[in-house]
Amino acid sequence: MLNALQPGLGLRVNAVSQATGKGKHTTTHQEMFLLQPEFSNAETGAAAGAIVDTPGVREFGLWEVTPDDLALFFPEMRPLLGRCRFGLDCGHDEEPGCAIRKAVMDGQISPRRYQSYLRLKEEL
């Protein structure tokens, strides 16, 4: 995946295991790669971030994030917070008058990002 995101990295890859259907680890040490300029913020020129390749890690989790604060980490949702029928008490799930759900229905927020938000919220 990193090689696809950043052509030219040339990171070593391995085949998917026939037995488990999962990838085989090839990373032997932790390494951080800055995102290329095309991922930078066009308005400010700020770097978009970095990608960390870590050995033996299949997933990451969130810590010190409450379900009530999670939407703050989705930039496209921030302007809508507090605009729901139930204000800041909205869970952005099944409540009527939810501005975030409306934005998803109107195509202003990606349904995929919204589903990611809901999954993360459930895990918290």
PDB file of N, CA and C in Angstrom:
ATOM      1  N   MET A   1       0.822  -1.175   0.000  1.00  0.00           N
ATOM      2  CA  MET A   1       0.000   0.000   0.000  1.00  0.00           C
ATOM      3  C   MET A   1       0.878   1.255   0.000  1.00  0.00           C
ATOM      4  N   LEU A   2       1.956   1.257   0.788  1.00  0.00           N
ATOM      5  CA  LEU A   2       2.834   2.424   0.827  1.00  0.00           C
ATOM      6  C   LEU A   2       3.487   2.661  -0.523  1.00  0.00           C
ATOM      7  N   ASN A   3       3.894   1.597  -1.199  1.00  0.00           N
ATOM      8  CA  ASN A   3       4.489   1.749  -2.526  1.00  0.00           C
ATOM      9  C   ASN A   3       3.494   2.357  -3.508  1.00  0.00           C
ATOM     10  N   ALA A   4       2.220   2.033  -3.373  1.00  0.00           N
ATOM     11  CA  ALA A   4       1.196   2.590  -4.253  1.00  0.00           C
ATOM     12  C   ALA A   4       0.953   4.064  -3.942  1.00  0.00           C
ATOM     13  N   LEU A   5       0.973   4.437  -2.654  1.00  0.00           N
ATOM     14  CA  LEU A   5       0.750   5.819  -2.259  1.00  0.00           C
ATOM     15  C   LEU A   5       1.935   6.722  -2.596  1.00  0.00           C
ATOM     16  N   GLN A   6       3.115   6.172  -2.475  1.00  0.00           N
ATOM     17  CA  GLN A   6       4.332   6.951  -2.707  1.00  0.00           C
ATOM     18  C   GLN A   6       5.226   6.212  -3.707  1.00  0.00           C
ATOM     19  N   PRO A   7       4.935   6.340  -4.997  1.00  0.00           N
ATOM     20  CA  PRO A   7       5.779   5.667  -5.990  1.00  0.00           C
ATOM     21  C   PRO A   7       7.246   6.056  -5.806  1.00  0.00           C
ATOM     22  N   GLY A   8       8.103   5.067  -5.941  1.00  0.00           N
ATOM     23  CA  GLY A   8       9.525   5.323  -5.783  1.00  0.00           C
ATOM     24  C   GLY A   8      10.082   4.906  -4.434  1.00  0.00           C
ATOM     25  N   LEU A   9       9.215   4.560  -3.489  1.00  0.00           N
ATOM     26  CA  LEU A   9       9.730   4.122  -2.185  1.00  0.00           C
ATOM     27  C   LEU A   9      10.510   2.819  -2.315  1.00  0.00           C
ATOM     28  N   GLY A  10      10.005   1.924  -3.130  1.00  0.00           N
ATOM     29  CA  GLY A  10      10.695   0.655  -3.343  1.00  0.00           C
ATOM     30  C   GLY A  10      10.734  -0.234  -2.117  1.00  0.00           C
ATOM     31  N   LEU A  11       9.701  -0.172  -1.287  1.00  0.00           N
ATOM     32  CA  LEU A  11       9.669  -1.020  -0.094  1.00  0.00           C
ATOM     33  C   LEU A  11       9.465  -2.474  -0.485  1.00  0.00           C
ATOM     34  N   ARG A  12      10.126  -3.355   0.255  1.00  0.00           N
ATOM     35  CA  ARG A  12      10.029  -4.789  -0.001  1.00  0.00           C
ATOM     36  C   ARG A  12       8.619  -5.267   0.336  1.00  0.00           C
ATOM     37  N   VAL A  13       8.060  -6.124  -0.505  1.00  0.00           N
ATOM     38  CA  VAL A  13       6.730  -6.687  -0.277  1.00  0.00           C
ATOM     39  C   VAL A  13       6.800  -8.200  -0.354  1.00  0.00           C
ATOM     40  N   ASN A  14       5.768  -8.852   0.156  1.00  0.00           N
ATOM     41  CA  ASN A  14       5.701 -10.304   0.150  1.00  0.00           C
ATOM     42  C   ASN A  14       4.303 -10.708  -0.297  1.00  0.00           C
ATOM     43  N   ALA A  15       4.153 -11.926  -0.708  1.00  0.00           N
ATOM     44  CA  ALA A  15       2.863 -12.435  -1.170  1.00  0.00           C
ATOM     45  C   ALA A  15       1.909 -12.627   0.009  1.00  0.00           C
ATOM     46  N   VAL A  16       0.619 -12.658  -0.297  1.00  0.00           N
ATOM     47  CA  VAL A  16      -0.396 -12.934   0.713  1.00  0.00           C
ATOM     48  C   VAL A  16      -0.342 -14.424   1.044  1.00  0.00           C
ATOM     49  N   SER A  17      -0.459 -14.749   2.322  1.00  0.00           N
ATOM     50  CA  SER A  17      -0.420 -16.145   2.764  1.00  0.00           C
ATOM     51  C   SER A  17      -1.615 -16.916   2.208  1.00  0.00           C
ATOM     52  N   GLN A  18      -1.355 -18.034   1.599  1.00  0.00           N
ATOM     53  CA  GLN A  18      -2.425 -18.906   1.091  1.00  0.00           C
ATOM     54  C   GLN A  18      -3.230 -19.484   2.257  1.00  0.00           C
ATOM     55  N   ALA A  19      -2.569 -19.754   3.374  1.00  0.00           N
ATOM     56  CA  ALA A  19      -3.228 -20.380   4.521  1.00  0.00           C
ATOM     57  C   ALA A  19      -4.190 -19.435   5.245  1.00  0.00           C
ATOM     58  N   THR A  20      -3.773 -18.183   5.434  1.00  0.00           N
ATOM     59  CA  THR A  20      -4.578 -17.257   6.232  1.00  0.00           C
ATOM     60  C   THR A  20      -5.289 -16.184   5.415  1.00  0.00           C
ATOM     61  N   GLY A  21      -4.815 -15.947   4.192  1.00  0.00           N
ATOM     62  CA  GLY A  21      -5.375 -14.876   3.377  1.00  0.00           C
ATOM     63  C   GLY A  21      -4.928 -13.500   3.832  1.00  0.00           C
ATOM     64  N   LYS A  22      -3.950 -13.456   4.735  1.00  0.00           N
ATOM     65  CA  LYS A  22      -3.429 -12.192   5.238  1.00  0.00           C
ATOM     66  C   LYS A  22      -2.028 -11.956   4.672  1.00  0.00           C
ATOM     67  N   GLY A  23      -1.621 -10.698   4.709  1.00  0.00           N
ATOM     68  CA  GLY A  23      -0.289 -10.353   4.230  1.00  0.00           C
ATOM     69  C   GLY A  23       0.779 -10.895   5.157  1.00  0.00           C
ATOM     70  N   LYS A  24       1.946 -11.172   4.578  1.00  0.00           N
ATOM     71  CA  LYS A  24       3.094 -11.612   5.370  1.00  0.00           C
ATOM     72  C   LYS A  24       3.961 -10.399   5.658  1.00  0.00           C
ATOM     73  N   HIS A  25       4.414 -10.274   6.890  1.00  0.00           N
ATOM     74  CA  HIS A  25       5.214  -9.118   7.285  1.00  0.00           C
ATOM     75  C   HIS A  25       6.590  -9.152   6.643  1.00  0.00           C
ATOM     76  N   THR A  26       6.995  -8.011   6.110  1.00  0.00           N
ATOM     77  CA  THR A  26       8.337  -7.857   5.557  1.00  0.00           C
ATOM     78  C   THR A  26       9.085  -6.715   6.231  1.00  0.00           C
ATOM     79  N   THR A  27       8.371  -5.873   6.954  1.00  0.00           N
ATOM     80  CA  THR A  27       8.990  -4.728   7.624  1.00  0.00           C
ATOM     81  C   THR A  27       9.789  -5.222   8.817  1.00  0.00           C
ATOM     82  N   THR A  28      11.048  -4.768   8.899  1.00  0.00           N
ATOM     83  CA  THR A  28      11.912  -5.205  10.001  1.00  0.00           C
ATOM     84  C   THR A  28      12.185  -4.098  11.014  1.00  0.00           C
ATOM     85  N   HIS A  29      11.867  -2.864  10.653  1.00  0.00           N
ATOM     86  CA  HIS A  29      12.069  -1.749  11.582  1.00  0.00           C
ATOM     87  C   HIS A  29      11.040  -0.664  11.280  1.00  0.00           C
ATOM     88  N   GLN A  30      10.765   0.156  12.271  1.00  0.00           N
ATOM     89  CA  GLN A  30       9.799   1.253  12.105  1.00  0.00           C
ATOM     90  C   GLN A  30      10.446   2.369  11.292  1.00  0.00           C
ATOM     91  N   GLU A  31       9.678   2.887  10.332  1.00  0.00           N
ATOM     92  CA  GLU A  31      10.196   3.977   9.507  1.00  0.00           C
ATOM     93  C   GLU A  31       9.049   4.900   9.129  1.00  0.00           C
ATOM     94  N   MET A  32       9.318   6.222   9.153  1.00  0.00           N
ATOM     95  CA  MET A  32       8.300   7.202   8.800  1.00  0.00           C
ATOM     96  C   MET A  32       8.648   7.817   7.443  1.00  0.00           C
ATOM     97  N   PHE A  33       7.609   7.960   6.609  1.00  0.00           N
ATOM     98  CA  PHE A  33       7.766   8.553   5.289  1.00  0.00           C
ATOM     99  C   PHE A  33       6.861   9.770   5.202  1.00  0.00           C
ATOM    100  N   LEU A  34       7.444  10.940   4.890  1.00  0.00           N
ATOM    101  CA  LEU A  34       6.641  12.145   4.708  1.00  0.00           C
ATOM    102  C   LEU A  34       5.859  12.025   3.413  1.00  0.00           C
ATOM    103  N   LEU A  35       4.621  12.520   3.433  1.00  0.00           N
ATOM    104  CA  LEU A  35       3.793  12.481   2.232  1.00  0.00           C
ATOM    105  C   LEU A  35       4.357  13.428   1.180  1.00  0.00           C
ATOM    106  N   GLN A  36       4.269  13.041  -0.059  1.00  0.00           N
ATOM    107  CA  GLN A  36       4.772  13.829  -1.179  1.00  0.00           C
ATOM    108  C   GLN A  36       4.007  15.145  -1.303  1.00  0.00           C
ATOM    109  N   PRO A  37       4.549  16.135  -2.016  1.00  0.00           N
ATOM    110  CA  PRO A  37       3.913  17.449  -2.153  1.00  0.00           C
ATOM    111  C   PRO A  37       2.472  17.411  -2.667  1.00  0.00           C
ATOM    112  N   GLU A  38       2.122  16.456  -3.515  1.00  0.00           N
ATOM    113  CA  GLU A  38       0.751  16.424  -4.037  1.00  0.00           C
ATOM    114  C   GLU A  38      -0.287  16.160  -2.946  1.00  0.00           C
ATOM    115  N   PHE A  39       0.160  15.731  -1.767  1.00  0.00           N
ATOM    116  CA  PHE A  39      -0.745  15.513  -0.648  1.00  0.00           C
ATOM    117  C   PHE A  39      -0.759  16.703   0.310  1.00  0.00           C
ATOM    118  N   SER A  40      -0.011  17.758  -0.004  1.00  0.00           N
ATOM    119  CA  SER A  40       0.067  18.927   0.858  1.00  0.00           C
ATOM    120  C   SER A  40      -1.179  19.785   0.715  1.00  0.00           C
ATOM    121  N   ASN A  41      -1.392  20.656   1.676  1.00  0.00           N
ATOM    122  CA  ASN A  41      -2.502  21.594   1.652  1.00  0.00           C
ATOM    123  C   ASN A  41      -2.169  22.698   0.649  1.00  0.00           C
ATOM    124  N   ALA A  42      -2.957  22.799  -0.426  1.00  0.00           N
ATOM    125  CA  ALA A  42      -2.677  23.754  -1.497  1.00  0.00           C
ATOM    126  C   ALA A  42      -2.757  25.196  -1.009  1.00  0.00           C
ATOM    127  N   GLU A  43      -3.623  25.475  -0.046  1.00  0.00           N
ATOM    128  CA  GLU A  43      -3.803  26.850   0.436  1.00  0.00           C
ATOM    129  C   GLU A  43      -2.663  27.303   1.342  1.00  0.00           C
ATOM    130  N   THR A  44      -2.231  26.427   2.235  1.00  0.00           N
ATOM    131  CA  THR A  44      -1.229  26.825   3.221  1.00  0.00           C
ATOM    132  C   THR A  44       0.164  26.290   2.909  1.00  0.00           C
ATOM    133  N   GLY A  45       0.243  25.273   2.048  1.00  0.00           N
ATOM    134  CA  GLY A  45       1.525  24.653   1.754  1.00  0.00           C
ATOM    135  C   GLY A  45       1.977  23.697   2.833  1.00  0.00           C
ATOM    136  N   ALA A  46       1.155  23.511   3.857  1.00  0.00           N
ATOM    137  CA  ALA A  46       1.515  22.618   4.966  1.00  0.00           C
ATOM    138  C   ALA A  46       1.531  21.172   4.495  1.00  0.00           C
ATOM    139  N   ALA A  47       2.493  20.421   5.003  1.00  0.00           N
ATOM    140  CA  ALA A  47       2.562  19.001   4.675  1.00  0.00           C
ATOM    141  C   ALA A  47       1.318  18.301   5.176  1.00  0.00           C
ATOM    142  N   ALA A  48       0.855  17.327   4.404  1.00  0.00           N
ATOM    143  CA  ALA A  48      -0.357  16.610   4.764  1.00  0.00           C
ATOM    144  C   ALA A  48      -0.110  15.623   5.893  1.00  0.00           C
ATOM    145  N   GLY A  49       1.126  15.278   6.126  1.00  0.00           N
ATOM    146  CA  GLY A  49       1.413  14.342   7.200  1.00  0.00           C
ATOM    147  C   GLY A  49       2.466  13.342   6.803  1.00  0.00           C
ATOM    148  N   ALA A  50       2.406  12.207   7.441  1.00  0.00           N
ATOM    149  CA  ALA A  50       3.392  11.169   7.213  1.00  0.00           C
ATOM    150  C   ALA A  50       2.723   9.810   7.356  1.00  0.00           C
ATOM    151  N   ILE A  51       3.397   8.814   6.839  1.00  0.00           N
ATOM    152  CA  ILE A  51       2.941   7.430   6.955  1.00  0.00           C
ATOM    153  C   ILE A  51       4.030   6.673   7.702  1.00  0.00           C
ATOM    154  N   VAL A  52       3.629   5.871   8.671  1.00  0.00           N
ATOM    155  CA  VAL A  52       4.597   5.095   9.430  1.00  0.00           C
ATOM    156  C   VAL A  52       4.430   3.622   9.080  1.00  0.00           C
ATOM    157  N   ASP A  53       5.517   3.002   8.689  1.00  0.00           N
ATOM    158  CA  ASP A  53       5.542   1.566   8.421  1.00  0.00           C
ATOM    159  C   ASP A  53       6.127   0.907   9.666  1.00  0.00           C
ATOM    160  N   THR A  54       5.350   0.039  10.296  1.00  0.00           N
ATOM    161  CA  THR A  54       5.782  -0.591  11.541  1.00  0.00           C
ATOM    162  C   THR A  54       5.755  -2.104  11.411  1.00  0.00           C
ATOM    163  N   PRO A  55       6.747  -2.782  11.950  1.00  0.00           N
ATOM    164  CA  PRO A  55       6.762  -4.239  11.867  1.00  0.00           C
ATOM    165  C   PRO A  55       5.745  -4.878  12.809  1.00  0.00           C
ATOM    166  N   GLY A  56       5.001  -5.820  12.291  1.00  0.00           N
ATOM    167  CA  GLY A  56       4.107  -6.619  13.117  1.00  0.00           C
ATOM    168  C   GLY A  56       2.858  -5.938  13.612  1.00  0.00           C
ATOM    169  N   VAL A  57       2.546  -4.752  13.135  1.00  0.00           N
ATOM    170  CA  VAL A  57       1.350  -4.056  13.585  1.00  0.00           C
ATOM    171  C   VAL A  57       0.296  -4.127  12.492  1.00  0.00           C
ATOM    172  N   ARG A  58      -0.844  -4.702  12.805  1.00  0.00           N
ATOM    173  CA  ARG A  58      -1.918  -4.835  11.820  1.00  0.00           C
ATOM    174  C   ARG A  58      -2.973  -3.746  11.955  1.00  0.00           C
ATOM    175  N   GLU A  59      -3.063  -3.120  13.126  1.00  0.00           N
ATOM    176  CA  GLU A  59      -4.058  -2.063  13.296  1.00  0.00           C
ATOM    177  C   GLU A  59      -3.643  -1.128  14.417  1.00  0.00           C
ATOM    178  N   PHE A  60      -4.195   0.064  14.382  1.00  0.00           N
ATOM    179  CA  PHE A  60      -3.960   1.072  15.405  1.00  0.00           C
ATOM    180  C   PHE A  60      -5.288   1.418  16.043  1.00  0.00           C
ATOM    181  N   GLY A  61      -5.246   1.947  17.230  1.00  0.00           N
ATOM    182  CA  GLY A  61      -6.462   2.362  17.908  1.00  0.00           C
ATOM    183  C   GLY A  61      -6.349   3.802  18.364  1.00  0.00           C
ATOM    184  N   LEU A  62      -7.460   4.332  18.813  1.00  0.00           N
ATOM    185  CA  LEU A  62      -7.497   5.696  19.333  1.00  0.00           C
ATOM    186  C   LEU A  62      -7.431   5.642  20.851  1.00  0.00           C
ATOM    187  N   TRP A  63      -6.796   6.623  21.438  1.00  0.00           N
ATOM    188  CA  TRP A  63      -6.789   6.731  22.891  1.00  0.00           C
ATOM    189  C   TRP A  63      -7.004   8.194  23.248  1.00  0.00           C
ATOM    190  N   GLU A  64      -7.564   8.404  24.418  1.00  0.00           N
ATOM    191  CA  GLU A  64      -7.884   9.736  24.920  1.00  0.00           C
ATOM    192  C   GLU A  64      -8.810  10.498  23.968  1.00  0.00           C
ATOM    193  N   VAL A  65      -9.664   9.773  23.252  1.00  0.00           N
ATOM    194  CA  VAL A  65     -10.686  10.376  22.397  1.00  0.00           C
ATOM    195  C   VAL A  65     -12.021   9.840  22.894  1.00  0.00           C
ATOM    196  N   THR A  66     -12.934  10.733  23.230  1.00  0.00           N
ATOM    197  CA  THR A  66     -14.253  10.304  23.675  1.00  0.00           C
ATOM    198  C   THR A  66     -15.187  10.239  22.473  1.00  0.00           C
ATOM    199  N   PRO A  67     -16.233   9.432  22.547  1.00  0.00           N
ATOM    200  CA  PRO A  67     -17.199   9.381  21.447  1.00  0.00           C
ATOM    201  C   PRO A  67     -17.782  10.760  21.114  1.00  0.00           C
ATOM    202  N   ASP A  68     -17.947  11.606  22.132  1.00  0.00           N
ATOM    203  CA  ASP A  68     -18.492  12.953  21.907  1.00  0.00           C
ATOM    204  C   ASP A  68     -17.529  13.845  21.127  1.00  0.00           C
ATOM    205  N   ASP A  69     -16.241  13.590  21.231  1.00  0.00           N
ATOM    206  CA  ASP A  69     -15.233  14.414  20.562  1.00  0.00           C
ATOM    207  C   ASP A  69     -14.804  13.866  19.200  1.00  0.00           C
ATOM    208  N   LEU A  70     -15.190  12.651  18.877  1.00  0.00           N
ATOM    209  CA  LEU A  70     -14.695  11.997  17.669  1.00  0.00           C
ATOM    210  C   LEU A  70     -14.956  12.801  16.402  1.00  0.00           C
ATOM    211  N   ALA A  71     -16.123  13.407  16.263  1.00  0.00           N
ATOM    212  CA  ALA A  71     -16.448  14.157  15.040  1.00  0.00           C
ATOM    213  C   ALA A  71     -15.483  15.318  14.816  1.00  0.00           C
ATOM    214  N   LEU A  72     -14.841  15.806  15.867  1.00  0.00           N
ATOM    215  CA  LEU A  72     -13.860  16.886  15.721  1.00  0.00           C
ATOM    216  C   LEU A  72     -12.658  16.458  14.888  1.00  0.00           C
ATOM    217  N   PHE A  73     -12.410  15.155  14.833  1.00  0.00           N
ATOM    218  CA  PHE A  73     -11.270  14.631  14.090  1.00  0.00           C
ATOM    219  C   PHE A  73     -11.596  14.390  12.616  1.00  0.00           C
ATOM    220  N   PHE A  74     -12.814  14.702  12.218  1.00  0.00           N
ATOM    221  CA  PHE A  74     -13.245  14.617  10.827  1.00  0.00           C
ATOM    222  C   PHE A  74     -13.466  16.051  10.341  1.00  0.00           C
ATOM    223  N   PRO A  75     -12.488  16.645   9.658  1.00  0.00           N
ATOM    224  CA  PRO A  75     -12.569  18.068   9.286  1.00  0.00           C
ATOM    225  C   PRO A  75     -13.850  18.444   8.552  1.00  0.00           C
ATOM    226  N   GLU A  76     -14.372  17.548   7.752  1.00  0.00           N
ATOM    227  CA  GLU A  76     -15.590  17.860   7.005  1.00  0.00           C
ATOM    228  C   GLU A  76     -16.822  17.924   7.900  1.00  0.00           C
ATOM    229  N   MET A  77     -16.738  17.380   9.100  1.00  0.00           N
ATOM    230  CA  MET A  77     -17.868  17.397  10.032  1.00  0.00           C
ATOM    231  C   MET A  77     -17.823  18.598  10.971  1.00  0.00           C
ATOM    232  N   ARG A  78     -16.636  19.133  11.218  1.00  0.00           N
ATOM    233  CA  ARG A  78     -16.476  20.216  12.206  1.00  0.00           C
ATOM    234  C   ARG A  78     -17.438  21.383  12.009  1.00  0.00           C
ATOM    235  N   PRO A  79     -17.603  21.903  10.779  1.00  0.00           N
ATOM    236  CA  PRO A  79     -18.492  23.068  10.617  1.00  0.00           C
ATOM    237  C   PRO A  79     -19.954  22.773  10.949  1.00  0.00           C
ATOM    238  N   LEU A  80     -20.338  21.505  10.985  1.00  0.00           N
ATOM    239  CA  LEU A  80     -21.724  21.127  11.220  1.00  0.00           C
ATOM    240  C   LEU A  80     -22.026  20.835  12.686  1.00  0.00           C
ATOM    241  N   LEU A  81     -20.997  20.729  13.499  1.00  0.00           N
ATOM    242  CA  LEU A  81     -21.202  20.399  14.906  1.00  0.00           C
ATOM    243  C   LEU A  81     -21.975  21.508  15.607  1.00  0.00           C
ATOM    244  N   GLY A  82     -23.006  21.118  16.334  1.00  0.00           N
ATOM    245  CA  GLY A  82     -23.868  22.060  17.030  1.00  0.00           C
ATOM    246  C   GLY A  82     -25.045  22.531  16.192  1.00  0.00           C
ATOM    247  N   ARG A  83     -25.072  22.169  14.915  1.00  0.00           N
ATOM    248  CA  ARG A  83     -26.160  22.591  14.029  1.00  0.00           C
ATOM    249  C   ARG A  83     -27.283  21.559  13.935  1.00  0.00           C
ATOM    250  N   CYS A  84     -27.153  20.478  14.655  1.00  0.00           N
ATOM    251  CA  CYS A  84     -28.177  19.434  14.639  1.00  0.00           C
ATOM    252  C   CYS A  84     -29.375  19.874  15.485  1.00  0.00           C
ATOM    253  N   ARG A  85     -30.499  19.221  15.283  1.00  0.00           N
ATOM    254  CA  ARG A  85     -31.724  19.524  16.038  1.00  0.00           C
ATOM    255  C   ARG A  85     -31.477  19.466  17.540  1.00  0.00           C
ATOM    256  N   PHE A  86     -30.656  18.493  17.958  1.00  0.00           N
ATOM    257  CA  PHE A  86     -30.359  18.341  19.383  1.00  0.00           C
ATOM    258  C   PHE A  86     -29.022  18.979  19.754  1.00  0.00           C
ATOM    259  N   GLY A  87     -28.530  19.864  18.912  1.00  0.00           N
ATOM    260  CA  GLY A  87     -27.301  20.601  19.198  1.00  0.00           C
ATOM    261  C   GLY A  87     -26.114  19.683  19.410  1.00  0.00           C
ATOM    262  N   LEU A  88     -25.337  19.977  20.431  1.00  0.00           N
ATOM    263  CA  LEU A  88     -24.135  19.185  20.717  1.00  0.00           C
ATOM    264  C   LEU A  88     -24.458  17.840  21.347  1.00  0.00           C
ATOM    265  N   ASP A  89     -25.721  17.595  21.688  1.00  0.00           N
ATOM    266  CA  ASP A  89     -26.124  16.302  22.247  1.00  0.00           C
ATOM    267  C   ASP A  89     -26.429  15.266  21.165  1.00  0.00           C
ATOM    268  N   CYS A  90     -26.338  15.648  19.896  1.00  0.00           N
ATOM    269  CA  CYS A  90     -26.639  14.724  18.804  1.00  0.00           C
ATOM    270  C   CYS A  90     -25.536  13.670  18.699  1.00  0.00           C
ATOM    271  N   GLY A  91     -25.944  12.426  18.529  1.00  0.00           N
ATOM    272  CA  GLY A  91     -24.988  11.335  18.358  1.00  0.00           C
ATOM    273  C   GLY A  91     -24.633  11.094  16.906  1.00  0.00           C
ATOM    274  N   HIS A  92     -25.283  11.815  15.983  1.00  0.00           N
ATOM    275  CA  HIS A  92     -25.033  11.720  14.541  1.00  0.00           C
ATOM    276  C   HIS A  92     -25.230  10.297  14.020  1.00  0.00           C
ATOM    277  N   ASP A  93     -26.210   9.617  14.604  1.00  0.00           N
ATOM    278  CA  ASP A  93     -26.479   8.244  14.198  1.00  0.00           C
ATOM    279  C   ASP A  93     -27.921   8.114  13.719  1.00  0.00           C
ATOM    280  N   GLU A  94     -28.872   8.128  14.630  1.00  0.00           N
ATOM    281  CA  GLU A  94     -30.269   7.941  14.250  1.00  0.00           C
ATOM    282  C   GLU A  94     -31.169   9.106  14.653  1.00  0.00           C
ATOM    283  N   GLU A  95     -30.591  10.142  15.228  1.00  0.00           N
ATOM    284  CA  GLU A  95     -31.385  11.265  15.700  1.00  0.00           C
ATOM    285  C   GLU A  95     -31.998  12.040  14.527  1.00  0.00           C
ATOM    286  N   PRO A  96     -33.266  12.437  14.671  1.00  0.00           N
ATOM    287  CA  PRO A  96     -33.878  13.272  13.622  1.00  0.00           C
ATOM    288  C   PRO A  96     -33.244  14.656  13.625  1.00  0.00           C
ATOM    289  N   GLY A  97     -33.120  15.242  12.446  1.00  0.00           N
ATOM    290  CA  GLY A  97     -32.579  16.589  12.341  1.00  0.00           C
ATOM    291  C   GLY A  97     -31.073  16.673  12.485  1.00  0.00           C
ATOM    292  N   CYS A  98     -30.377  15.583  12.217  1.00  0.00           N
ATOM    293  CA  CYS A  98     -28.913  15.563  12.321  1.00  0.00           C
ATOM    294  C   CYS A  98     -28.300  16.232  11.084  1.00  0.00           C
ATOM    295  N   ALA A  99     -27.536  17.288  11.300  1.00  0.00           N
ATOM    296  CA  ALA A  99     -26.907  18.028  10.196  1.00  0.00           C
ATOM    297  C   ALA A  99     -25.843  17.197   9.496  1.00  0.00           C
ATOM    298  N   ILE A 100     -25.161  16.343  10.219  1.00  0.00           N
ATOM    299  CA  ILE A 100     -24.115  15.520   9.613  1.00  0.00           C
ATOM    300  C   ILE A 100     -24.738  14.455   8.714  1.00  0.00           C
ATOM    301  N   ARG A 101     -25.788  13.792   9.198  1.00  0.00           N
ATOM    302  CA  ARG A 101     -26.458  12.789   8.356  1.00  0.00           C
ATOM    303  C   ARG A 101     -27.048  13.445   7.116  1.00  0.00           C
ATOM    304  N   LYS A 102     -27.584  14.646   7.261  1.00  0.00           N
ATOM    305  CA  LYS A 102     -28.135  15.364   6.112  1.00  0.00           C
ATOM    306  C   LYS A 102     -27.027  15.670   5.097  1.00  0.00           C
ATOM    307  N   ALA A 103     -25.862  16.072   5.595  1.00  0.00           N
ATOM    308  CA  ALA A 103     -24.727  16.367   4.712  1.00  0.00           C
ATOM    309  C   ALA A 103     -24.282  15.114   3.959  1.00  0.00           C
ATOM    310  N   VAL A 104     -24.373  13.962   4.603  1.00  0.00           N
ATOM    311  CA  VAL A 104     -24.049  12.700   3.923  1.00  0.00           C
ATOM    312  C   VAL A 104     -25.065  12.452   2.809  1.00  0.00           C
ATOM    313  N   MET A 105     -26.354  12.620   3.127  1.00  0.00           N
ATOM    314  CA  MET A 105     -27.418  12.405   2.141  1.00  0.00           C
ATOM    315  C   MET A 105     -27.312  13.386   0.974  1.00  0.00           C
ATOM    316  N   ASP A 106     -26.846  14.609   1.256  1.00  0.00           N
ATOM    317  CA  ASP A 106     -26.723  15.645   0.228  1.00  0.00           C
ATOM    318  C   ASP A 106     -25.419  15.549  -0.560  1.00  0.00           C
ATOM    319  N   GLY A 107     -24.560  14.584  -0.213  1.00  0.00           N
ATOM    320  CA  GLY A 107     -23.299  14.404  -0.930  1.00  0.00           C
ATOM    321  C   GLY A 107     -22.182  15.330  -0.489  1.00  0.00           C
ATOM    322  N   GLN A 108     -22.368  16.027   0.624  1.00  0.00           N
ATOM    323  CA  GLN A 108     -21.334  16.936   1.129  1.00  0.00           C
ATOM    324  C   GLN A 108     -20.288  16.208   1.969  1.00  0.00           C
ATOM    325  N   ILE A 109     -20.672  15.075   2.525  1.00  0.00           N
ATOM    326  CA  ILE A 109     -19.756  14.225   3.286  1.00  0.00           C
ATOM    327  C   ILE A 109     -19.806  12.842   2.654  1.00  0.00           C
ATOM    328  N   SER A 110     -18.640  12.270   2.446  1.00  0.00           N
ATOM    329  CA  SER A 110     -18.550  10.943   1.844  1.00  0.00           C
ATOM    330  C   SER A 110     -19.223   9.895   2.742  1.00  0.00           C
ATOM    331  N   PRO A 111     -20.108   9.062   2.176  1.00  0.00           N
ATOM    332  CA  PRO A 111     -20.713   7.992   2.972  1.00  0.00           C
ATOM    333  C   PRO A 111     -19.664   7.063   3.578  1.00  0.00           C
ATOM    334  N   ARG A 112     -18.574   6.879   2.869  1.00  0.00           N
ATOM    335  CA  ARG A 112     -17.504   6.022   3.374  1.00  0.00           C
ATOM    336  C   ARG A 112     -16.864   6.630   4.628  1.00  0.00           C
ATOM    337  N   ARG A 113     -16.627   7.945   4.599  1.00  0.00           N
ATOM    338  CA  ARG A 113     -16.072   8.622   5.770  1.00  0.00           C
ATOM    339  C   ARG A 113     -17.055   8.577   6.934  1.00  0.00           C
ATOM    340  N   TYR A 114     -18.330   8.745   6.636  1.00  0.00           N
ATOM    341  CA  TYR A 114     -19.355   8.710   7.680  1.00  0.00           C
ATOM    342  C   TYR A 114     -19.404   7.317   8.313  1.00  0.00           C
ATOM    343  N   GLN A 115     -19.354   6.270   7.490  1.00  0.00           N
ATOM    344  CA  GLN A 115     -19.358   4.906   8.031  1.00  0.00           C
ATOM    345  C   GLN A 115     -18.109   4.652   8.872  1.00  0.00           C
ATOM    346  N   SER A 116     -16.980   5.213   8.449  1.00  0.00           N
ATOM    347  CA  SER A 116     -15.752   5.093   9.230  1.00  0.00           C
ATOM    348  C   SER A 116     -15.928   5.766  10.590  1.00  0.00           C
ATOM    349  N   TYR A 117     -16.542   6.936  10.583  1.00  0.00           N
ATOM    350  CA  TYR A 117     -16.830   7.650  11.830  1.00  0.00           C
ATOM    351  C   TYR A 117     -17.685   6.778  12.754  1.00  0.00           C
ATOM    352  N   LEU A 118     -18.761   6.188  12.208  1.00  0.00           N
ATOM    353  CA  LEU A 118     -19.656   5.357  13.023  1.00  0.00           C
ATOM    354  C   LEU A 118     -18.939   4.140  13.592  1.00  0.00           C
ATOM    355  N   ARG A 119     -18.077   3.495  12.790  1.00  0.00           N
ATOM    356  CA  ARG A 119     -17.325   2.329  13.267  1.00  0.00           C
ATOM    357  C   ARG A 119     -16.384   2.726  14.400  1.00  0.00           C
ATOM    358  N   LEU A 120     -15.652   3.815  14.202  1.00  0.00           N
ATOM    359  CA  LEU A 120     -14.742   4.274  15.247  1.00  0.00           C
ATOM    360  C   LEU A 120     -15.489   4.638  16.522  1.00  0.00           C
ATOM    361  N   LYS A 121     -16.621   5.290  16.369  1.00  0.00           N
ATOM    362  CA  LYS A 121     -17.404   5.677  17.530  1.00  0.00           C
ATOM    363  C   LYS A 121     -17.868   4.443  18.302  1.00  0.00           C
ATOM    364  N   GLU A 122     -18.263   3.421  17.574  1.00  0.00           N
ATOM    365  CA  GLU A 122     -18.707   2.175  18.221  1.00  0.00           C
ATOM    366  C   GLU A 122     -17.560   1.517  18.982  1.00  0.00           C
ATOM    367  N   GLU A 123     -16.346   1.588  18.433  1.00  0.00           N
ATOM    368  CA  GLU A 123     -15.180   0.998  19.091  1.00  0.00           C
ATOM    369  C   GLU A 123     -14.795   1.742  20.364  1.00  0.00           C
ATOM    370  N   LEU A 124     -15.076   3.060  20.374  1.00  0.00           N
ATOM    371  CA  LEU A 124     -14.732   3.843  21.564  1.00  0.00           C
ATOM    372  C   LEU A 124     -15.668   3.486  22.701  1.00  0.00           C
TER     373      LEU A 124
END
